[in-house]
Amino acid sequence: MVENGPSAQRLGSDGYPLLGAFPNTAAPQLDNTTVANERRQLEAEAQVSAAMTGGNAAAYQQSVSQMQALGDKTRADVAAAVASTAPADAGAAAVGTPAPRLTPTR
């Protein structure tokens, strides 16, 4: 029986909507061997992914350290340039104060 309406939902003999492509039959189940093989494959892929992530974390930390060192050098260069061109009584000491370092969280 097909109801007229916006969705044209098929209804069962009890009046409730039928769900799925074949609502009167169960979907075929996977056998135990297929499930075990699939599980082994997923676990192997997870191990490979975990091994790769460890290397990426070290590379990330190295990159953060390099960027922090570059930021420190840039701040020192700017402070030196400002100190060499600004009058001594204009509060040049405040310009050379380094910004706080941020530590990455992962």
PDB file of N, CA and C in Angstrom:
ATOM      1  N   MET A   1       0.830  -1.168   0.000  1.00  0.00           N
ATOM      2  CA  MET A   1       0.000   0.000   0.000  1.00  0.00           C
ATOM      3  C   MET A   1       0.883   1.243   0.000  1.00  0.00           C
ATOM      4  N   VAL A   2       0.657   2.188  -0.882  1.00  0.00           N
ATOM      5  CA  VAL A   2       1.430   3.423  -0.972  1.00  0.00           C
ATOM      6  C   VAL A   2       0.512   4.574  -0.594  1.00  0.00           C
ATOM      7  N   GLU A   3       0.966   5.326   0.404  1.00  0.00           N
ATOM      8  CA  GLU A   3       0.206   6.496   0.829  1.00  0.00           C
ATOM      9  C   GLU A   3       0.469   7.637  -0.142  1.00  0.00           C
ATOM     10  N   ASN A   4      -0.556   8.377  -0.469  1.00  0.00           N
ATOM     11  CA  ASN A   4      -0.360   9.597  -1.247  1.00  0.00           C
ATOM     12  C   ASN A   4       0.137  10.672  -0.288  1.00  0.00           C
ATOM     13  N   GLY A   5       1.168  11.358  -0.695  1.00  0.00           N
ATOM     14  CA  GLY A   5       1.711  12.408   0.159  1.00  0.00           C
ATOM     15  C   GLY A   5       3.104  12.764  -0.283  1.00  0.00           C
ATOM     16  N   PRO A   6       3.764  13.620   0.477  1.00  0.00           N
ATOM     17  CA  PRO A   6       5.067  14.108   0.046  1.00  0.00           C
ATOM     18  C   PRO A   6       6.154  13.036  -0.019  1.00  0.00           C
ATOM     19  N   SER A   7       6.094  11.985   0.800  1.00  0.00           N
ATOM     20  CA  SER A   7       7.172  10.997   0.794  1.00  0.00           C
ATOM     21  C   SER A   7       6.779   9.693   0.127  1.00  0.00           C
ATOM     22  N   ALA A   8       5.530   9.466  -0.104  1.00  0.00           N
ATOM     23  CA  ALA A   8       5.041   8.218  -0.694  1.00  0.00           C
ATOM     24  C   ALA A   8       5.588   7.018   0.075  1.00  0.00           C
ATOM     25  N   GLN A   9       5.554   7.080   1.399  1.00  0.00           N
ATOM     26  CA  GLN A   9       6.069   6.024   2.270  1.00  0.00           C
ATOM     27  C   GLN A   9       5.169   4.798   2.200  1.00  0.00           C
ATOM     28  N   ARG A  10       5.782   3.624   2.020  1.00  0.00           N
ATOM     29  CA  ARG A  10       5.008   2.371   2.049  1.00  0.00           C
ATOM     30  C   ARG A  10       4.686   2.030   3.490  1.00  0.00           C
ATOM     31  N   LEU A  11       3.480   1.596   3.703  1.00  0.00           N
ATOM     32  CA  LEU A  11       3.051   1.213   5.040  1.00  0.00           C
ATOM     33  C   LEU A  11       2.803  -0.285   5.089  1.00  0.00           C
ATOM     34  N   GLY A  12       3.109  -0.873   6.236  1.00  0.00           N
ATOM     35  CA  GLY A  12       2.856  -2.292   6.440  1.00  0.00           C
ATOM     36  C   GLY A  12       1.403  -2.546   6.777  1.00  0.00           C
ATOM     37  N   SER A  13       1.074  -3.829   6.998  1.00  0.00           N
ATOM     38  CA  SER A  13      -0.308  -4.199   7.297  1.00  0.00           C
ATOM     39  C   SER A  13      -0.772  -3.603   8.618  1.00  0.00           C
ATOM     40  N   ASP A  14       0.186  -3.271   9.516  1.00  0.00           N
ATOM     41  CA  ASP A  14      -0.179  -2.683  10.802  1.00  0.00           C
ATOM     42  C   ASP A  14      -0.282  -1.158  10.737  1.00  0.00           C
ATOM     43  N   GLY A  15      -0.017  -0.575   9.559  1.00  0.00           N
ATOM     44  CA  GLY A  15      -0.124   0.869   9.400  1.00  0.00           C
ATOM     45  C   GLY A  15       1.149   1.633   9.669  1.00  0.00           C
ATOM     46  N   TYR A  16       2.189   0.953  10.133  1.00  0.00           N
ATOM     47  CA  TYR A  16       3.466   1.620  10.383  1.00  0.00           C
ATOM     48  C   TYR A  16       4.325   1.608   9.118  1.00  0.00           C
ATOM     49  N   PRO A  17       5.227   2.604   8.963  1.00  0.00           N
ATOM     50  CA  PRO A  17       6.073   2.649   7.759  1.00  0.00           C
ATOM     51  C   PRO A  17       7.020   1.452   7.687  1.00  0.00           C
ATOM     52  N   LEU A  18       7.246   0.966   6.459  1.00  0.00           N
ATOM     53  CA  LEU A  18       8.236  -0.081   6.219  1.00  0.00           C
ATOM     54  C   LEU A  18       9.582   0.600   6.003  1.00  0.00           C
ATOM     55  N   LEU A  19      10.627   0.077   6.626  1.00  0.00           N
ATOM     56  CA  LEU A  19      11.955   0.694   6.543  1.00  0.00           C
ATOM     57  C   LEU A  19      12.912  -0.207   5.781  1.00  0.00           C
ATOM     58  N   GLY A  20      13.807   0.379   5.015  1.00  0.00           N
ATOM     59  CA  GLY A  20      14.842  -0.362   4.316  1.00  0.00           C
ATOM     60  C   GLY A  20      14.424  -0.772   2.924  1.00  0.00           C
ATOM     61  N   ALA A  21      15.406  -1.282   2.151  1.00  0.00           N
ATOM     62  CA  ALA A  21      15.148  -1.682   0.774  1.00  0.00           C
ATOM     63  C   ALA A  21      14.254  -2.923   0.723  1.00  0.00           C
ATOM     64  N   PHE A  22      14.483  -3.855   1.636  1.00  0.00           N
ATOM     65  CA  PHE A  22      13.682  -5.072   1.714  1.00  0.00           C
ATOM     66  C   PHE A  22      13.163  -5.197   3.139  1.00  0.00           C
ATOM     67  N   PRO A  23      12.111  -4.485   3.480  1.00  0.00           N
ATOM     68  CA  PRO A  23      11.711  -4.398   4.884  1.00  0.00           C
ATOM     69  C   PRO A  23      11.203  -5.695   5.486  1.00  0.00           C
ATOM     70  N   ASN A  24      10.855  -6.679   4.678  1.00  0.00           N
ATOM     71  CA  ASN A  24      10.336  -7.924   5.235  1.00  0.00           C
ATOM     72  C   ASN A  24      11.388  -9.003   5.378  1.00  0.00           C
ATOM     73  N   THR A  25      12.653  -8.697   5.043  1.00  0.00           N
ATOM     74  CA  THR A  25      13.722  -9.689   5.158  1.00  0.00           C
ATOM     75  C   THR A  25      14.909  -9.078   5.897  1.00  0.00           C
ATOM     76  N   ALA A  26      15.651  -9.907   6.582  1.00  0.00           N
ATOM     77  CA  ALA A  26      16.843  -9.445   7.285  1.00  0.00           C
ATOM     78  C   ALA A  26      18.009  -9.366   6.309  1.00  0.00           C
ATOM     79  N   ALA A  27      18.909  -8.462   6.572  1.00  0.00           N
ATOM     80  CA  ALA A  27      20.116  -8.345   5.749  1.00  0.00           C
ATOM     81  C   ALA A  27      21.000  -9.563   5.985  1.00  0.00           C
ATOM     82  N   PRO A  28      21.709 -10.023   4.945  1.00  0.00           N
ATOM     83  CA  PRO A  28      22.593 -11.177   5.140  1.00  0.00           C
ATOM     84  C   PRO A  28      23.730 -10.822   6.095  1.00  0.00           C
ATOM     85  N   GLN A  29      24.082 -11.768   6.955  1.00  0.00           N
ATOM     86  CA  GLN A  29      25.136 -11.552   7.943  1.00  0.00           C
ATOM     87  C   GLN A  29      26.472 -12.043   7.418  1.00  0.00           C
ATOM     88  N   LEU A  30      27.554 -11.404   7.872  1.00  0.00           N
ATOM     89  CA  LEU A  30      28.904 -11.839   7.504  1.00  0.00           C
ATOM     90  C   LEU A  30      29.278 -13.071   8.319  1.00  0.00           C
ATOM     91  N   ASP A  31      30.061 -13.934   7.702  1.00  0.00           N
ATOM     92  CA  ASP A  31      30.515 -15.119   8.445  1.00  0.00           C
ATOM     93  C   ASP A  31      31.678 -14.726   9.363  1.00  0.00           C
ATOM     94  N   ASN A  32      31.979 -15.572  10.334  1.00  0.00           N
ATOM     95  CA  ASN A  32      32.999 -15.279  11.341  1.00  0.00           C
ATOM     96  C   ASN A  32      34.385 -15.084  10.736  1.00  0.00           C
ATOM     97  N   THR A  33      34.724 -15.838   9.696  1.00  0.00           N
ATOM     98  CA  THR A  33      36.041 -15.714   9.063  1.00  0.00           C
ATOM     99  C   THR A  33      36.218 -14.330   8.441  1.00  0.00           C
ATOM    100  N   THR A  34      35.196 -13.858   7.765  1.00  0.00           N
ATOM    101  CA  THR A  34      35.268 -12.527   7.147  1.00  0.00           C
ATOM    102  C   THR A  34      35.431 -11.455   8.213  1.00  0.00           C
ATOM    103  N   VAL A  35      34.696 -11.580   9.295  1.00  0.00           N
ATOM    104  CA  VAL A  35      34.794 -10.598  10.383  1.00  0.00           C
ATOM    105  C   VAL A  35      36.189 -10.627  10.995  1.00  0.00           C
ATOM    106  N   ALA A  36      36.739 -11.818  11.247  1.00  0.00           N
ATOM    107  CA  ALA A  36      38.075 -11.939  11.839  1.00  0.00           C
ATOM    108  C   ALA A  36      39.141 -11.349  10.918  1.00  0.00           C
ATOM    109  N   ASN A  37      39.043 -11.624   9.611  1.00  0.00           N
ATOM    110  CA  ASN A  37      40.010 -11.076   8.658  1.00  0.00           C
ATOM    111  C   ASN A  37      39.929  -9.553   8.609  1.00  0.00           C
ATOM    112  N   GLU A  38      38.726  -9.032   8.600  1.00  0.00           N
ATOM    113  CA  GLU A  38      38.542  -7.578   8.559  1.00  0.00           C
ATOM    114  C   GLU A  38      39.098  -6.925   9.821  1.00  0.00           C
ATOM    115  N   ARG A  39      38.863  -7.557  10.948  1.00  0.00           N
ATOM    116  CA  ARG A  39      39.372  -7.025  12.220  1.00  0.00           C
ATOM    117  C   ARG A  39      40.900  -7.008  12.228  1.00  0.00           C
ATOM    118  N   ARG A  40      41.536  -8.092  11.751  1.00  0.00           N
ATOM    119  CA  ARG A  40      42.999  -8.147  11.693  1.00  0.00           C
ATOM    120  C   ARG A  40      43.546  -7.045  10.800  1.00  0.00           C
ATOM    121  N   GLN A  41      42.898  -6.825   9.654  1.00  0.00           N
ATOM    122  CA  GLN A  41      43.353  -5.797   8.733  1.00  0.00           C
ATOM    123  C   GLN A  41      43.234  -4.409   9.363  1.00  0.00           C
ATOM    124  N   LEU A  42      42.136  -4.140  10.038  1.00  0.00           N
ATOM    125  CA  LEU A  42      41.958  -2.840  10.685  1.00  0.00           C
ATOM    126  C   LEU A  42      42.965  -2.626  11.813  1.00  0.00           C
ATOM    127  N   GLU A  43      43.255  -3.683  12.578  1.00  0.00           N
ATOM    128  CA  GLU A  43      44.240  -3.567  13.652  1.00  0.00           C
ATOM    129  C   GLU A  43      45.635  -3.306  13.093  1.00  0.00           C
ATOM    130  N   ALA A  44      45.983  -3.954  11.975  1.00  0.00           N
ATOM    131  CA  ALA A  44      47.286  -3.722  11.346  1.00  0.00           C
ATOM    132  C   ALA A  44      47.389  -2.280  10.849  1.00  0.00           C
ATOM    133  N   GLU A  45      46.320  -1.780  10.247  1.00  0.00           N
ATOM    134  CA  GLU A  45      46.324  -0.393   9.779  1.00  0.00           C
ATOM    135  C   GLU A  45      46.425   0.576  10.949  1.00  0.00           C
ATOM    136  N   ALA A  46      45.808   0.257  12.064  1.00  0.00           N
ATOM    137  CA  ALA A  46      45.887   1.117  13.246  1.00  0.00           C
ATOM    138  C   ALA A  46      47.308   1.160  13.791  1.00  0.00           C
ATOM    139  N   GLN A  47      48.004   0.009  13.769  1.00  0.00           N
ATOM    140  CA  GLN A  47      49.389  -0.026  14.245  1.00  0.00           C
ATOM    141  C   GLN A  47      50.290   0.814  13.350  1.00  0.00           C
ATOM    142  N   VAL A  48      50.093   0.729  12.042  1.00  0.00           N
ATOM    143  CA  VAL A  48      50.895   1.523  11.105  1.00  0.00           C
ATOM    144  C   VAL A  48      50.632   3.006  11.336  1.00  0.00           C
ATOM    145  N   SER A  49      49.381   3.359  11.511  1.00  0.00           N
ATOM    146  CA  SER A  49      49.021   4.752  11.743  1.00  0.00           C
ATOM    147  C   SER A  49      49.636   5.267  13.038  1.00  0.00           C
ATOM    148  N   ALA A  50      49.594   4.449  14.084  1.00  0.00           N
ATOM    149  CA  ALA A  50      50.174   4.856  15.367  1.00  0.00           C
ATOM    150  C   ALA A  50      51.679   5.048  15.252  1.00  0.00           C
ATOM    151  N   ALA A  51      52.348   4.179  14.492  1.00  0.00           N
ATOM    152  CA  ALA A  51      53.796   4.307  14.312  1.00  0.00           C
ATOM    153  C   ALA A  51      54.137   5.579  13.553  1.00  0.00           C
ATOM    154  N   MET A  52      53.328   5.904  12.563  1.00  0.00           N
ATOM    155  CA  MET A  52      53.578   7.115  11.777  1.00  0.00           C
ATOM    156  C   MET A  52      53.298   8.369  12.598  1.00  0.00           C
ATOM    157  N   THR A  53      52.323   8.322  13.464  1.00  0.00           N
ATOM    158  CA  THR A  53      51.981   9.491  14.271  1.00  0.00           C
ATOM    159  C   THR A  53      53.098   9.830  15.232  1.00  0.00           C
ATOM    160  N   GLY A  54      53.772   8.835  15.784  1.00  0.00           N
ATOM    161  CA  GLY A  54      54.885   9.095  16.696  1.00  0.00           C
ATOM    162  C   GLY A  54      55.972   9.909  16.023  1.00  0.00           C
ATOM    163  N   GLY A  55      56.323   9.588  14.791  1.00  0.00           N
ATOM    164  CA  GLY A  55      57.330  10.346  14.052  1.00  0.00           C
ATOM    165  C   GLY A  55      56.851  11.746  13.742  1.00  0.00           C
ATOM    166  N   ASN A  56      55.571  11.877  13.456  1.00  0.00           N
ATOM    167  CA  ASN A  56      55.034  13.197  13.162  1.00  0.00           C
ATOM    168  C   ASN A  56      55.060  14.086  14.396  1.00  0.00           C
ATOM    169  N   ALA A  57      54.856  13.512  15.567  1.00  0.00           N
ATOM    170  CA  ALA A  57      54.879  14.299  16.799  1.00  0.00           C
ATOM    171  C   ALA A  57      56.273  14.859  17.039  1.00  0.00           C
ATOM    172  N   ALA A  58      57.305  14.067  16.797  1.00  0.00           N
ATOM    173  CA  ALA A  58      58.680  14.548  16.975  1.00  0.00           C
ATOM    174  C   ALA A  58      58.998  15.645  15.964  1.00  0.00           C
ATOM    175  N   ALA A  59      58.567  15.454  14.729  1.00  0.00           N
ATOM    176  CA  ALA A  59      58.802  16.477  13.707  1.00  0.00           C
ATOM    177  C   ALA A  59      58.050  17.753  14.047  1.00  0.00           C
ATOM    178  N   TYR A  60      56.851  17.613  14.587  1.00  0.00           N
ATOM    179  CA  TYR A  60      56.063  18.780  14.987  1.00  0.00           C
ATOM    180  C   TYR A  60      56.781  19.556  16.092  1.00  0.00           C
ATOM    181  N   GLN A  61      57.268  18.842  17.101  1.00  0.00           N
ATOM    182  CA  GLN A  61      57.979  19.499  18.205  1.00  0.00           C
ATOM    183  C   GLN A  61      59.224  20.223  17.695  1.00  0.00           C
ATOM    184  N   GLN A  62      59.940  19.602  16.758  1.00  0.00           N
ATOM    185  CA  GLN A  62      61.123  20.236  16.199  1.00  0.00           C
ATOM    186  C   GLN A  62      60.738  21.505  15.447  1.00  0.00           C
ATOM    187  N   SER A  63      59.661  21.449  14.691  1.00  0.00           N
ATOM    188  CA  SER A  63      59.194  22.607  13.953  1.00  0.00           C
ATOM    189  C   SER A  63      58.795  23.737  14.898  1.00  0.00           C
ATOM    190  N   VAL A  64      58.111  23.396  15.990  1.00  0.00           N
ATOM    191  CA  VAL A  64      57.720  24.411  16.970  1.00  0.00           C
ATOM    192  C   VAL A  64      58.956  25.058  17.582  1.00  0.00           C
ATOM    193  N   SER A  65      59.952  24.260  17.918  1.00  0.00           N
ATOM    194  CA  SER A  65      61.190  24.807  18.492  1.00  0.00           C
ATOM    195  C   SER A  65      61.885  25.741  17.516  1.00  0.00           C
ATOM    196  N   GLN A  66      61.926  25.363  16.240  1.00  0.00           N
ATOM    197  CA  GLN A  66      62.549  26.222  15.231  1.00  0.00           C
ATOM    198  C   GLN A  66      61.790  27.540  15.093  1.00  0.00           C
ATOM    199  N   MET A  67      60.463  27.478  15.100  1.00  0.00           N
ATOM    200  CA  MET A  67      59.666  28.703  14.964  1.00  0.00           C
ATOM    201  C   MET A  67      59.830  29.602  16.190  1.00  0.00           C
ATOM    202  N   GLN A  68      59.939  29.009  17.383  1.00  0.00           N
ATOM    203  CA  GLN A  68      60.161  29.800  18.586  1.00  0.00           C
ATOM    204  C   GLN A  68      61.530  30.480  18.543  1.00  0.00           C
ATOM    205  N   ALA A  69      62.544  29.750  18.076  1.00  0.00           N
ATOM    206  CA  ALA A  69      63.876  30.341  17.955  1.00  0.00           C
ATOM    207  C   ALA A  69      63.872  31.478  16.930  1.00  0.00           C
ATOM    208  N   LEU A  70      63.161  31.282  15.828  1.00  0.00           N
ATOM    209  CA  LEU A  70      63.066  32.334  14.817  1.00  0.00           C
ATOM    210  C   LEU A  70      62.341  33.561  15.385  1.00  0.00           C
ATOM    211  N   GLY A  71      61.284  33.338  16.164  1.00  0.00           N
ATOM    212  CA  GLY A  71      60.566  34.446  16.797  1.00  0.00           C
ATOM    213  C   GLY A  71      61.454  35.196  17.768  1.00  0.00           C
ATOM    214  N   ASP A  72      62.248  34.470  18.575  1.00  0.00           N
ATOM    215  CA  ASP A  72      63.177  35.108  19.511  1.00  0.00           C
ATOM    216  C   ASP A  72      64.193  35.958  18.771  1.00  0.00           C
ATOM    217  N   LYS A  73      64.740  35.427  17.675  1.00  0.00           N
ATOM    218  CA  LYS A  73      65.727  36.169  16.891  1.00  0.00           C
ATOM    219  C   LYS A  73      65.096  37.409  16.270  1.00  0.00           C
ATOM    220  N   THR A  74      63.889  37.284  15.743  1.00  0.00           N
ATOM    221  CA  THR A  74      63.219  38.416  15.119  1.00  0.00           C
ATOM    222  C   THR A  74      62.954  39.514  16.152  1.00  0.00           C
ATOM    223  N   ARG A  75      62.474  39.117  17.349  1.00  0.00           N
ATOM    224  CA  ARG A  75      62.236  40.112  18.394  1.00  0.00           C
ATOM    225  C   ARG A  75      63.534  40.810  18.792  1.00  0.00           C
ATOM    226  N   ALA A  76      64.632  40.066  18.908  1.00  0.00           N
ATOM    227  CA  ALA A  76      65.917  40.657  19.262  1.00  0.00           C
ATOM    228  C   ALA A  76      66.395  41.610  18.162  1.00  0.00           C
ATOM    229  N   ASP A  77      66.229  41.217  16.903  1.00  0.00           N
ATOM    230  CA  ASP A  77      66.630  42.084  15.783  1.00  0.00           C
ATOM    231  C   ASP A  77      65.825  43.378  15.777  1.00  0.00           C
ATOM    232  N   VAL A  78      64.519  43.270  16.001  1.00  0.00           N
ATOM    233  CA  VAL A  78      63.669  44.463  16.016  1.00  0.00           C
ATOM    234  C   VAL A  78      64.037  45.353  17.196  1.00  0.00           C
ATOM    235  N   ALA A  79      64.261  44.765  18.364  1.00  0.00           N
ATOM    236  CA  ALA A  79      64.642  45.551  19.536  1.00  0.00           C
ATOM    237  C   ALA A  79      65.962  46.275  19.301  1.00  0.00           C
ATOM    238  N   ALA A  80      66.922  45.588  18.658  1.00  0.00           N
ATOM    239  CA  ALA A  80      68.214  46.215  18.376  1.00  0.00           C
ATOM    240  C   ALA A  80      68.054  47.353  17.369  1.00  0.00           C
ATOM    241  N   ALA A  81      67.225  47.148  16.353  1.00  0.00           N
ATOM    242  CA  ALA A  81      67.009  48.195  15.344  1.00  0.00           C
ATOM    243  C   ALA A  81      66.309  49.400  15.953  1.00  0.00           C
ATOM    244  N   VAL A  82      65.324  49.157  16.811  1.00  0.00           N
ATOM    245  CA  VAL A  82      64.608  50.265  17.450  1.00  0.00           C
ATOM    246  C   VAL A  82      65.526  50.982  18.423  1.00  0.00           C
ATOM    247  N   ALA A  83      66.330  50.247  19.178  1.00  0.00           N
ATOM    248  CA  ALA A  83      67.235  50.861  20.148  1.00  0.00           C
ATOM    249  C   ALA A  83      68.284  51.725  19.463  1.00  0.00           C
ATOM    250  N   SER A  84      68.698  51.350  18.263  1.00  0.00           N
ATOM    251  CA  SER A  84      69.739  52.129  17.579  1.00  0.00           C
ATOM    252  C   SER A  84      69.190  53.393  16.937  1.00  0.00           C
ATOM    253  N   THR A  85      67.869  53.469  16.728  1.00  0.00           N
ATOM    254  CA  THR A  85      67.296  54.647  16.075  1.00  0.00           C
ATOM    255  C   THR A  85      66.466  55.510  17.014  1.00  0.00           C
ATOM    256  N   ALA A  86      66.036  54.993  18.137  1.00  0.00           N
ATOM    257  CA  ALA A  86      65.173  55.759  19.049  1.00  0.00           C
ATOM    258  C   ALA A  86      66.016  56.516  20.060  1.00  0.00           C
ATOM    259  N   PRO A  87      65.513  57.660  20.504  1.00  0.00           N
ATOM    260  CA  PRO A  87      66.214  58.388  21.565  1.00  0.00           C
ATOM    261  C   PRO A  87      66.239  57.556  22.855  1.00  0.00           C
ATOM    262  N   ALA A  88      67.267  57.708  23.647  1.00  0.00           N
ATOM    263  CA  ALA A  88      67.444  56.902  24.842  1.00  0.00           C
ATOM    264  C   ALA A  88      66.361  57.154  25.878  1.00  0.00           C
ATOM    265  N   ASP A  89      65.771  58.332  25.910  1.00  0.00           N
ATOM    266  CA  ASP A  89      64.792  58.645  26.943  1.00  0.00           C
ATOM    267  C   ASP A  89      63.349  58.358  26.506  1.00  0.00           C
ATOM    268  N   ALA A  90      63.140  57.711  25.368  1.00  0.00           N
ATOM    269  CA  ALA A  90      61.790  57.465  24.868  1.00  0.00           C
ATOM    270  C   ALA A  90      61.227  56.132  25.340  1.00  0.00           C
ATOM    271  N   GLY A  91      61.830  55.525  26.314  1.00  0.00           N
ATOM    272  CA  GLY A  91      61.302  54.263  26.841  1.00  0.00           C
ATOM    273  C   GLY A  91      61.668  53.073  25.974  1.00  0.00           C
ATOM    274  N   ALA A  92      62.869  53.068  25.436  1.00  0.00           N
ATOM    275  CA  ALA A  92      63.299  51.991  24.545  1.00  0.00           C
ATOM    276  C   ALA A  92      63.389  50.653  25.271  1.00  0.00           C
ATOM    277  N   ALA A  93      63.537  50.670  26.578  1.00  0.00           N
ATOM    278  CA  ALA A  93      63.646  49.410  27.319  1.00  0.00           C
ATOM    279  C   ALA A  93      62.368  48.589  27.193  1.00  0.00           C
ATOM    280  N   ALA A  94      61.223  49.239  27.119  1.00  0.00           N
ATOM    281  CA  ALA A  94      59.962  48.510  27.003  1.00  0.00           C
ATOM    282  C   ALA A  94      59.831  47.834  25.649  1.00  0.00           C
ATOM    283  N   VAL A  95      60.458  48.387  24.622  1.00  0.00           N
ATOM    284  CA  VAL A  95      60.363  47.811  23.280  1.00  0.00           C
ATOM    285  C   VAL A  95      61.102  46.486  23.209  1.00  0.00           C
ATOM    286  N   GLY A  96      62.193  46.367  23.909  1.00  0.00           N
ATOM    287  CA  GLY A  96      63.003  45.158  23.835  1.00  0.00           C
ATOM    288  C   GLY A  96      62.500  44.024  24.699  1.00  0.00           C
ATOM    289  N   THR A  97      61.420  44.201  25.416  1.00  0.00           N
ATOM    290  CA  THR A  97      60.895  43.141  26.276  1.00  0.00           C
ATOM    291  C   THR A  97      60.342  42.019  25.417  1.00  0.00           C
ATOM    292  N   PRO A  98      60.850  40.797  25.599  1.00  0.00           N
ATOM    293  CA  PRO A  98      60.361  39.694  24.741  1.00  0.00           C
ATOM    294  C   PRO A  98      58.928  39.314  25.098  1.00  0.00           C
ATOM    295  N   ALA A  99      58.226  38.876  24.088  1.00  0.00           N
ATOM    296  CA  ALA A  99      56.844  38.408  24.279  1.00  0.00           C
ATOM    297  C   ALA A  99      56.870  37.044  24.961  1.00  0.00           C
ATOM    298  N   PRO A 100      55.834  36.697  25.702  1.00  0.00           N
ATOM    299  CA  PRO A 100      55.822  35.379  26.338  1.00  0.00           C
ATOM    300  C   PRO A 100      55.810  34.261  25.308  1.00  0.00           C
ATOM    301  N   ARG A 101      56.510  33.187  25.626  1.00  0.00           N
ATOM    302  CA  ARG A 101      56.553  32.040  24.716  1.00  0.00           C
ATOM    303  C   ARG A 101      55.347  31.165  24.959  1.00  0.00           C
ATOM    304  N   LEU A 102      54.771  30.716  23.880  1.00  0.00           N
ATOM    305  CA  LEU A 102      53.629  29.816  23.953  1.00  0.00           C
ATOM    306  C   LEU A 102      54.111  28.389  23.795  1.00  0.00           C
ATOM    307  N   THR A 103      53.597  27.496  24.598  1.00  0.00           N
ATOM    308  CA  THR A 103      53.958  26.086  24.462  1.00  0.00           C
ATOM    309  C   THR A 103      52.808  25.371  23.784  1.00  0.00           C
ATOM    310  N   PRO A 104      53.111  24.580  22.760  1.00  0.00           N
ATOM    311  CA  PRO A 104      52.036  23.882  22.026  1.00  0.00           C
ATOM    312  C   PRO A 104      51.430  22.774  22.876  1.00  0.00           C
ATOM    313  N   THR A 105      50.163  22.551  22.664  1.00  0.00           N
ATOM    314  CA  THR A 105      49.492  21.435  23.322  1.00  0.00           C
ATOM    315  C   THR A 105      48.951  20.515  22.250  1.00  0.00           C
ATOM    316  N   ARG A 106      49.113  19.235  22.452  1.00  0.00           N
ATOM    317  CA  ARG A 106      48.617  18.250  21.479  1.00  0.00           C
ATOM    318  C   ARG A 106      48.010  17.126  22.217  1.00  0.00           C
TER     319      ARG A 106
END
